[in-house]
Every structure is written in C-alpha cells, then in structure tokens.
Amino acid sequence: MIYIFRRTTGDAQKTLKTQYETTKNPFQTAQDMINHLLQIYINSYKIENAHKDYQHLNIKPFQTFTEFFTTFLQLTEDAEIPQDN
C-alpha cells in the first residue's frame, strides 16, 4: 500500500490520502486502493460516448486520411460497433 500511495501524484494521491491516513475506515489491502481509484477514474460511459462520437465522425479539413481512419478504428472498437456495420 505504501508503494501505491507513493507512486500516485496530484488528485489521485489526494483521493487516496483521506482513507490512507485515517484510522476510522482505512484501506485494508493494496487492491482496495486500486479499486477505489478505478471507481473514480474509469469512464463508465466509454461505450456510449464513443458511440456518440462515432455517429458524428467526419473527416476535418486538413486532416489526413490516416488520422481520420485511426480515429474511426478506435471509435468502432470503443463503441463496440459490429464489423458488418
């Protein structure tokens, strides 16, 4: 737990500090600390946001096809768009 706490910085460490330094409800394991951070920092709307971005995807002026296609592939993966679409 010391290792995880010392490896975090900024807001992530501030988030952990409250529960890490308390005696009322401290973390019991390193996995508890990681799970706590995951609950805060994982985007629970990743699929929905990617689907929305996918629906509005257009190639922009001065954007190369490679840049556009890379974004397209990433969004189809994140939004779980079926290959036949």
PDB file of N, CA and C in Angstrom:
ATOM      1  N   MET A   1       0.835  -1.187   0.000  1.00  0.00           N
ATOM      2  CA  MET A   1       0.000   0.000   0.000  1.00  0.00           C
ATOM      3  C   MET A   1       0.883   1.255   0.000  1.00  0.00           C
ATOM      4  N   ILE A   2       1.999   1.198   0.682  1.00  0.00           N
ATOM      5  CA  ILE A   2       2.921   2.330   0.687  1.00  0.00           C
ATOM      6  C   ILE A   2       3.418   2.610  -0.730  1.00  0.00           C
ATOM      7  N   TYR A   3       3.749   1.549  -1.452  1.00  0.00           N
ATOM      8  CA  TYR A   3       4.237   1.696  -2.823  1.00  0.00           C
ATOM      9  C   TYR A   3       3.199   2.387  -3.697  1.00  0.00           C
ATOM     10  N   ILE A   4       1.972   1.938  -3.640  1.00  0.00           N
ATOM     11  CA  ILE A   4       0.907   2.537  -4.464  1.00  0.00           C
ATOM     12  C   ILE A   4       0.718   3.992  -4.088  1.00  0.00           C
ATOM     13  N   PHE A   5       0.677   4.282  -2.807  1.00  0.00           N
ATOM     14  CA  PHE A   5       0.475   5.658  -2.367  1.00  0.00           C
ATOM     15  C   PHE A   5       1.602   6.563  -2.856  1.00  0.00           C
ATOM     16  N   ARG A   6       2.829   6.089  -2.767  1.00  0.00           N
ATOM     17  CA  ARG A   6       3.973   6.909  -3.181  1.00  0.00           C
ATOM     18  C   ARG A   6       4.093   7.031  -4.695  1.00  0.00           C
ATOM     19  N   ARG A   7       3.520   6.107  -5.431  1.00  0.00           N
ATOM     20  CA  ARG A   7       3.568   6.162  -6.898  1.00  0.00           C
ATOM     21  C   ARG A   7       2.483   7.060  -7.481  1.00  0.00           C
ATOM     22  N   THR A   8       1.483   7.417  -6.707  1.00  0.00           N
ATOM     23  CA  THR A   8       0.440   8.319  -7.193  1.00  0.00           C
ATOM     24  C   THR A   8       0.850   9.754  -6.926  1.00  0.00           C
ATOM     25  N   THR A   9       0.266  10.666  -7.689  1.00  0.00           N
ATOM     26  CA  THR A   9       0.536  12.091  -7.521  1.00  0.00           C
ATOM     27  C   THR A   9      -0.766  12.864  -7.716  1.00  0.00           C
ATOM     28  N   GLY A  10      -0.720  14.117  -7.411  1.00  0.00           N
ATOM     29  CA  GLY A  10      -1.838  15.022  -7.688  1.00  0.00           C
ATOM     30  C   GLY A  10      -3.157  14.588  -7.082  1.00  0.00           C
ATOM     31  N   ASP A  11      -4.206  14.703  -7.890  1.00  0.00           N
ATOM     32  CA  ASP A  11      -5.558  14.391  -7.420  1.00  0.00           C
ATOM     33  C   ASP A  11      -5.712  12.929  -7.004  1.00  0.00           C
ATOM     34  N   ALA A  12      -5.027  12.028  -7.707  1.00  0.00           N
ATOM     35  CA  ALA A  12      -5.130  10.608  -7.351  1.00  0.00           C
ATOM     36  C   ALA A  12      -4.601  10.380  -5.939  1.00  0.00           C
ATOM     37  N   GLN A  13      -3.483  11.008  -5.613  1.00  0.00           N
ATOM     38  CA  GLN A  13      -2.932  10.829  -4.272  1.00  0.00           C
ATOM     39  C   GLN A  13      -3.807  11.514  -3.217  1.00  0.00           C
ATOM     40  N   LYS A  14      -4.347  12.675  -3.555  1.00  0.00           N
ATOM     41  CA  LYS A  14      -5.246  13.361  -2.617  1.00  0.00           C
ATOM     42  C   LYS A  14      -6.474  12.496  -2.332  1.00  0.00           C
ATOM     43  N   THR A  15      -6.958  11.827  -3.371  1.00  0.00           N
ATOM     44  CA  THR A  15      -8.114  10.948  -3.217  1.00  0.00           C
ATOM     45  C   THR A  15      -7.801   9.803  -2.264  1.00  0.00           C
ATOM     46  N   LEU A  16      -6.616   9.242  -2.392  1.00  0.00           N
ATOM     47  CA  LEU A  16      -6.217   8.121  -1.533  1.00  0.00           C
ATOM     48  C   LEU A  16      -5.871   8.577  -0.123  1.00  0.00           C
ATOM     49  N   LYS A  17      -5.316   9.770  -0.007  1.00  0.00           N
ATOM     50  CA  LYS A  17      -4.778  10.242   1.276  1.00  0.00           C
ATOM     51  C   LYS A  17      -5.810  10.213   2.401  1.00  0.00           C
ATOM     52  N   THR A  18      -7.009  10.636   2.123  1.00  0.00           N
ATOM     53  CA  THR A  18      -8.037  10.688   3.158  1.00  0.00           C
ATOM     54  C   THR A  18      -8.246   9.339   3.822  1.00  0.00           C
ATOM     55  N   GLN A  19      -8.385   8.328   3.007  1.00  0.00           N
ATOM     56  CA  GLN A  19      -8.652   6.999   3.539  1.00  0.00           C
ATOM     57  C   GLN A  19      -7.360   6.275   3.934  1.00  0.00           C
ATOM     58  N   TYR A  20      -6.255   6.665   3.337  1.00  0.00           N
ATOM     59  CA  TYR A  20      -4.966   6.022   3.628  1.00  0.00           C
ATOM     60  C   TYR A  20      -4.465   6.413   5.009  1.00  0.00           C
ATOM     61  N   GLU A  21      -4.686   7.662   5.394  1.00  0.00           N
ATOM     62  CA  GLU A  21      -4.165   8.162   6.659  1.00  0.00           C
ATOM     63  C   GLU A  21      -5.169   8.139   7.803  1.00  0.00           C
ATOM     64  N   THR A  22      -6.358   7.664   7.564  1.00  0.00           N
ATOM     65  CA  THR A  22      -7.381   7.654   8.601  1.00  0.00           C
ATOM     66  C   THR A  22      -7.319   6.386   9.440  1.00  0.00           C
ATOM     67  N   THR A  23      -7.881   6.466  10.623  1.00  0.00           N
ATOM     68  CA  THR A  23      -7.976   5.267  11.469  1.00  0.00           C
ATOM     69  C   THR A  23      -9.405   4.750  11.516  1.00  0.00           C
ATOM     70  N   LYS A  24     -10.350   5.535  11.006  1.00  0.00           N
ATOM     71  CA  LYS A  24     -11.756   5.132  11.051  1.00  0.00           C
ATOM     72  C   LYS A  24     -12.086   4.040  10.039  1.00  0.00           C
ATOM     73  N   ASN A  25     -11.700   4.250   8.788  1.00  0.00           N
ATOM     74  CA  ASN A  25     -12.027   3.297   7.735  1.00  0.00           C
ATOM     75  C   ASN A  25     -10.853   3.190   6.757  1.00  0.00           C
ATOM     76  N   PRO A  26      -9.701   2.692   7.212  1.00  0.00           N
ATOM     77  CA  PRO A  26      -8.523   2.663   6.337  1.00  0.00           C
ATOM     78  C   PRO A  26      -8.626   1.569   5.274  1.00  0.00           C
ATOM     79  N   PHE A  27      -7.825   1.727   4.227  1.00  0.00           N
ATOM     80  CA  PHE A  27      -7.726   0.667   3.232  1.00  0.00           C
ATOM     81  C   PHE A  27      -7.167  -0.575   3.924  1.00  0.00           C
ATOM     82  N   GLN A  28      -7.669  -1.735   3.545  1.00  0.00           N
ATOM     83  CA  GLN A  28      -7.182  -2.987   4.110  1.00  0.00           C
ATOM     84  C   GLN A  28      -6.084  -3.612   3.253  1.00  0.00           C
ATOM     85  N   THR A  29      -6.190  -3.417   1.943  1.00  0.00           N
ATOM     86  CA  THR A  29      -5.219  -4.017   1.024  1.00  0.00           C
ATOM     87  C   THR A  29      -4.883  -3.028  -0.085  1.00  0.00           C
ATOM     88  N   ALA A  30      -3.825  -3.352  -0.803  1.00  0.00           N
ATOM     89  CA  ALA A  30      -3.450  -2.546  -1.966  1.00  0.00           C
ATOM     90  C   ALA A  30      -4.546  -2.605  -3.028  1.00  0.00           C
ATOM     91  N   GLN A  31      -5.179  -3.748  -3.167  1.00  0.00           N
ATOM     92  CA  GLN A  31      -6.263  -3.890  -4.141  1.00  0.00           C
ATOM     93  C   GLN A  31      -7.427  -2.964  -3.803  1.00  0.00           C
ATOM     94  N   ASP A  32      -7.686  -2.732  -2.525  1.00  0.00           N
ATOM     95  CA  ASP A  32      -8.725  -1.780  -2.131  1.00  0.00           C
ATOM     96  C   ASP A  32      -8.397  -0.379  -2.654  1.00  0.00           C
ATOM     97  N   MET A  33      -7.122  -0.020  -2.596  1.00  0.00           N
ATOM     98  CA  MET A  33      -6.709   1.294  -3.085  1.00  0.00           C
ATOM     99  C   MET A  33      -6.911   1.396  -4.595  1.00  0.00           C
ATOM    100  N   ILE A  34      -6.514   0.359  -5.307  1.00  0.00           N
ATOM    101  CA  ILE A  34      -6.669   0.354  -6.765  1.00  0.00           C
ATOM    102  C   ILE A  34      -8.146   0.389  -7.143  1.00  0.00           C
ATOM    103  N   ASN A  35      -8.957  -0.398  -6.469  1.00  0.00           N
ATOM    104  CA  ASN A  35     -10.394  -0.405  -6.750  1.00  0.00           C
ATOM    105  C   ASN A  35     -11.014   0.963  -6.493  1.00  0.00           C
ATOM    106  N   HIS A  36     -10.551   1.631  -5.444  1.00  0.00           N
ATOM    107  CA  HIS A  36     -11.047   2.972  -5.118  1.00  0.00           C
ATOM    108  C   HIS A  36     -10.741   3.941  -6.268  1.00  0.00           C
ATOM    109  N   LEU A  37      -9.520   3.884  -6.783  1.00  0.00           N
ATOM    110  CA  LEU A  37      -9.147   4.746  -7.904  1.00  0.00           C
ATOM    111  C   LEU A  37      -9.906   4.385  -9.174  1.00  0.00           C
ATOM    112  N   LEU A  38     -10.110   3.095  -9.402  1.00  0.00           N
ATOM    113  CA  LEU A  38     -10.855   2.662 -10.586  1.00  0.00           C
ATOM    114  C   LEU A  38     -12.275   3.204 -10.574  1.00  0.00           C
ATOM    115  N   GLN A  39     -12.910   3.204  -9.420  1.00  0.00           N
ATOM    116  CA  GLN A  39     -14.281   3.715  -9.328  1.00  0.00           C
ATOM    117  C   GLN A  39     -14.356   5.181  -9.701  1.00  0.00           C
ATOM    118  N   ILE A  40     -13.299   5.914  -9.422  1.00  0.00           N
ATOM    119  CA  ILE A  40     -13.299   7.353  -9.681  1.00  0.00           C
ATOM    120  C   ILE A  40     -12.873   7.678 -11.107  1.00  0.00           C
ATOM    121  N   TYR A  41     -11.841   7.003 -11.594  1.00  0.00           N
ATOM    122  CA  TYR A  41     -11.211   7.417 -12.839  1.00  0.00           C
ATOM    123  C   TYR A  41     -11.616   6.631 -14.079  1.00  0.00           C
ATOM    124  N   ILE A  42     -12.275   5.510 -13.935  1.00  0.00           N
ATOM    125  CA  ILE A  42     -12.723   4.771 -15.116  1.00  0.00           C
ATOM    126  C   ILE A  42     -13.980   5.443 -15.659  1.00  0.00           C
ATOM    127  N   ASN A  43     -14.003   5.642 -16.958  1.00  0.00           N
ATOM    128  CA  ASN A  43     -15.146   6.267 -17.614  1.00  0.00           C
ATOM    129  C   ASN A  43     -16.232   5.214 -17.810  1.00  0.00           C
ATOM    130  N   SER A  44     -17.258   5.275 -16.988  1.00  0.00           N
ATOM    131  CA  SER A  44     -18.325   4.284 -17.067  1.00  0.00           C
ATOM    132  C   SER A  44     -19.224   4.493 -18.292  1.00  0.00           C
ATOM    133  N   TYR A  45     -19.053   5.612 -18.982  1.00  0.00           N
ATOM    134  CA  TYR A  45     -19.857   5.893 -20.171  1.00  0.00           C
ATOM    135  C   TYR A  45     -19.014   5.807 -21.446  1.00  0.00           C
ATOM    136  N   LYS A  46     -17.931   5.045 -21.387  1.00  0.00           N
ATOM    137  CA  LYS A  46     -16.997   4.961 -22.515  1.00  0.00           C
ATOM    138  C   LYS A  46     -17.705   4.497 -23.788  1.00  0.00           C
ATOM    139  N   ILE A  47     -18.512   3.455 -23.705  1.00  0.00           N
ATOM    140  CA  ILE A  47     -19.186   2.920 -24.888  1.00  0.00           C
ATOM    141  C   ILE A  47     -20.182   3.930 -25.448  1.00  0.00           C
ATOM    142  N   GLU A  48     -20.972   4.529 -24.559  1.00  0.00           N
ATOM    143  CA  GLU A  48     -21.975   5.491 -25.008  1.00  0.00           C
ATOM    144  C   GLU A  48     -21.315   6.718 -25.639  1.00  0.00           C
ATOM    145  N   ASN A  49     -20.243   7.218 -25.013  1.00  0.00           N
ATOM    146  CA  ASN A  49     -19.551   8.386 -25.561  1.00  0.00           C
ATOM    147  C   ASN A  49     -18.906   8.065 -26.906  1.00  0.00           C
ATOM    148  N   ALA A  50     -18.297   6.900 -27.014  1.00  0.00           N
ATOM    149  CA  ALA A  50     -17.675   6.502 -28.274  1.00  0.00           C
ATOM    150  C   ALA A  50     -18.731   6.343 -29.364  1.00  0.00           C
ATOM    151  N   HIS A  51     -19.892   5.813 -29.018  1.00  0.00           N
ATOM    152  CA  HIS A  51     -20.971   5.639 -29.995  1.00  0.00           C
ATOM    153  C   HIS A  51     -21.452   7.000 -30.494  1.00  0.00           C
ATOM    154  N   LYS A  52     -21.581   7.942 -29.589  1.00  0.00           N
ATOM    155  CA  LYS A  52     -21.997   9.296 -29.980  1.00  0.00           C
ATOM    156  C   LYS A  52     -20.946   9.937 -30.885  1.00  0.00           C
ATOM    157  N   ASP A  53     -19.676   9.815 -30.508  1.00  0.00           N
ATOM    158  CA  ASP A  53     -18.601  10.374 -31.333  1.00  0.00           C
ATOM    159  C   ASP A  53     -18.544   9.694 -32.704  1.00  0.00           C
ATOM    160  N   TYR A  54     -18.786   8.396 -32.719  1.00  0.00           N
ATOM    161  CA  TYR A  54     -18.799   7.636 -33.978  1.00  0.00           C
ATOM    162  C   TYR A  54     -19.894   8.157 -34.909  1.00  0.00           C
ATOM    163  N   GLN A  55     -21.072   8.433 -34.361  1.00  0.00           N
ATOM    164  CA  GLN A  55     -22.187   8.911 -35.170  1.00  0.00           C
ATOM    165  C   GLN A  55     -21.909  10.289 -35.778  1.00  0.00           C
ATOM    166  N   HIS A  56     -21.072  11.084 -35.107  1.00  0.00           N
ATOM    167  CA  HIS A  56     -20.781  12.434 -35.583  1.00  0.00           C
ATOM    168  C   HIS A  56     -19.403  12.545 -36.242  1.00  0.00           C
ATOM    169  N   LEU A  57     -18.796  11.430 -36.558  1.00  0.00           N
ATOM    170  CA  LEU A  57     -17.449  11.429 -37.117  1.00  0.00           C
ATOM    171  C   LEU A  57     -17.452  11.897 -38.566  1.00  0.00           C
ATOM    172  N   ASN A  58     -16.672  12.904 -38.849  1.00  0.00           N
ATOM    173  CA  ASN A  58     -16.465  13.425 -40.202  1.00  0.00           C
ATOM    174  C   ASN A  58     -14.990  13.732 -40.356  1.00  0.00           C
ATOM    175  N   ILE A  59     -14.501  13.593 -41.566  1.00  0.00           N
ATOM    176  CA  ILE A  59     -13.118  13.998 -41.803  1.00  0.00           C
ATOM    177  C   ILE A  59     -13.063  15.523 -41.820  1.00  0.00           C
ATOM    178  N   LYS A  60     -12.098  16.065 -41.121  1.00  0.00           N
ATOM    179  CA  LYS A  60     -11.985  17.514 -40.982  1.00  0.00           C
ATOM    180  C   LYS A  60     -11.070  18.066 -42.076  1.00  0.00           C
ATOM    181  N   PRO A  61     -11.256  19.334 -42.432  1.00  0.00           N
ATOM    182  CA  PRO A  61     -10.340  19.936 -43.405  1.00  0.00           C
ATOM    183  C   PRO A  61      -8.898  19.837 -42.893  1.00  0.00           C
ATOM    184  N   PHE A  62      -7.997  19.533 -43.757  1.00  0.00           N
ATOM    185  CA  PHE A  62      -6.569  19.416 -43.456  1.00  0.00           C
ATOM    186  C   PHE A  62      -6.222  18.199 -42.602  1.00  0.00           C
ATOM    187  N   GLN A  63      -7.194  17.330 -42.329  1.00  0.00           N
ATOM    188  CA  GLN A  63      -6.909  16.092 -41.603  1.00  0.00           C
ATOM    189  C   GLN A  63      -6.535  15.025 -42.620  1.00  0.00           C
ATOM    190  N   THR A  64      -5.481  14.304 -42.346  1.00  0.00           N
ATOM    191  CA  THR A  64      -5.086  13.243 -43.275  1.00  0.00           C
ATOM    192  C   THR A  64      -6.041  12.071 -43.129  1.00  0.00           C
ATOM    193  N   PHE A  65      -6.115  11.284 -44.185  1.00  0.00           N
ATOM    194  CA  PHE A  65      -6.974  10.106 -44.121  1.00  0.00           C
ATOM    195  C   PHE A  65      -6.497   9.147 -43.040  1.00  0.00           C
ATOM    196  N   THR A  66      -5.188   9.046 -42.868  1.00  0.00           N
ATOM    197  CA  THR A  66      -4.643   8.153 -41.851  1.00  0.00           C
ATOM    198  C   THR A  66      -5.107   8.562 -40.458  1.00  0.00           C
ATOM    199  N   GLU A  67      -5.103   9.851 -40.153  1.00  0.00           N
ATOM    200  CA  GLU A  67      -5.585  10.339 -38.853  1.00  0.00           C
ATOM    201  C   GLU A  67      -7.074  10.024 -38.681  1.00  0.00           C
ATOM    202  N   PHE A  68      -7.838  10.311 -39.732  1.00  0.00           N
ATOM    203  CA  PHE A  68      -9.269  10.031 -39.691  1.00  0.00           C
ATOM    204  C   PHE A  68      -9.528   8.540 -39.488  1.00  0.00           C
ATOM    205  N   PHE A  69      -8.835   7.708 -40.260  1.00  0.00           N
ATOM    206  CA  PHE A  69      -9.061   6.267 -40.196  1.00  0.00           C
ATOM    207  C   PHE A  69      -8.660   5.704 -38.839  1.00  0.00           C
ATOM    208  N   THR A  70      -7.597   6.226 -38.251  1.00  0.00           N
ATOM    209  CA  THR A  70      -7.182   5.799 -36.913  1.00  0.00           C
ATOM    210  C   THR A  70      -8.266   6.122 -35.893  1.00  0.00           C
ATOM    211  N   THR A  71      -8.808   7.319 -35.963  1.00  0.00           N
ATOM    212  CA  THR A  71      -9.908   7.701 -35.064  1.00  0.00           C
ATOM    213  C   THR A  71     -11.121   6.812 -35.297  1.00  0.00           C
ATOM    214  N   PHE A  72     -11.438   6.572 -36.561  1.00  0.00           N
ATOM    215  CA  PHE A  72     -12.564   5.706 -36.922  1.00  0.00           C
ATOM    216  C   PHE A  72     -12.399   4.315 -36.308  1.00  0.00           C
ATOM    217  N   LEU A  73     -11.227   3.712 -36.479  1.00  0.00           N
ATOM    218  CA  LEU A  73     -10.992   2.371 -35.947  1.00  0.00           C
ATOM    219  C   LEU A  73     -11.086   2.340 -34.421  1.00  0.00           C
ATOM    220  N   GLN A  74     -10.541   3.364 -33.768  1.00  0.00           N
ATOM    221  CA  GLN A  74     -10.597   3.421 -32.305  1.00  0.00           C
ATOM    222  C   GLN A  74     -12.031   3.551 -31.815  1.00  0.00           C
ATOM    223  N   LEU A  75     -12.801   4.389 -32.459  1.00  0.00           N
ATOM    224  CA  LEU A  75     -14.197   4.574 -32.052  1.00  0.00           C
ATOM    225  C   LEU A  75     -15.028   3.316 -32.290  1.00  0.00           C
ATOM    226  N   THR A  76     -14.799   2.644 -33.412  1.00  0.00           N
ATOM    227  CA  THR A  76     -15.564   1.413 -33.655  1.00  0.00           C
ATOM    228  C   THR A  76     -15.232   0.358 -32.604  1.00  0.00           C
ATOM    229  N   GLU A  77     -13.981   0.325 -32.180  1.00  0.00           N
ATOM    230  CA  GLU A  77     -13.587  -0.620 -31.127  1.00  0.00           C
ATOM    231  C   GLU A  77     -14.217  -0.236 -29.783  1.00  0.00           C
ATOM    232  N   ASP A  78     -14.089   1.040 -29.407  1.00  0.00           N
ATOM    233  CA  ASP A  78     -14.613   1.510 -28.119  1.00  0.00           C
ATOM    234  C   ASP A  78     -16.136   1.430 -28.048  1.00  0.00           C
ATOM    235  N   ALA A  79     -16.800   1.738 -29.167  1.00  0.00           N
ATOM    236  CA  ALA A  79     -18.263   1.746 -29.189  1.00  0.00           C
ATOM    237  C   ALA A  79     -18.843   0.363 -29.450  1.00  0.00           C
ATOM    238  N   GLU A  80     -17.972  -0.603 -29.677  1.00  0.00           N
ATOM    239  CA  GLU A  80     -18.389  -1.979 -29.941  1.00  0.00           C
ATOM    240  C   GLU A  80     -19.340  -2.058 -31.148  1.00  0.00           C
ATOM    241  N   ILE A  81     -18.963  -1.346 -32.209  1.00  0.00           N
ATOM    242  CA  ILE A  81     -19.728  -1.348 -33.447  1.00  0.00           C
ATOM    243  C   ILE A  81     -19.444  -2.676 -34.163  1.00  0.00           C
ATOM    244  N   PRO A  82     -20.475  -3.423 -34.554  1.00  0.00           N
ATOM    245  CA  PRO A  82     -20.242  -4.674 -35.267  1.00  0.00           C
ATOM    246  C   PRO A  82     -19.533  -4.448 -36.594  1.00  0.00           C
ATOM    247  N   GLN A  83     -18.709  -5.385 -36.998  1.00  0.00           N
ATOM    248  CA  GLN A  83     -17.931  -5.251 -38.238  1.00  0.00           C
ATOM    249  C   GLN A  83     -18.813  -5.110 -39.461  1.00  0.00           C
ATOM    250  N   ASP A  84     -19.977  -5.742 -39.469  1.00  0.00           N
ATOM    251  CA  ASP A  84     -20.826  -5.673 -40.656  1.00  0.00           C
ATOM    252  C   ASP A  84     -21.475  -4.295 -40.827  1.00  0.00           C
ATOM    253  N   ASN A  85     -21.404  -3.446 -39.828  1.00  0.00           N
ATOM    254  CA  ASN A  85     -21.909  -2.071 -39.969  1.00  0.00           C
ATOM    255  C   ASN A  85     -20.881  -1.240 -40.691  1.00  0.00           C
TER     256      ASN A  85
END
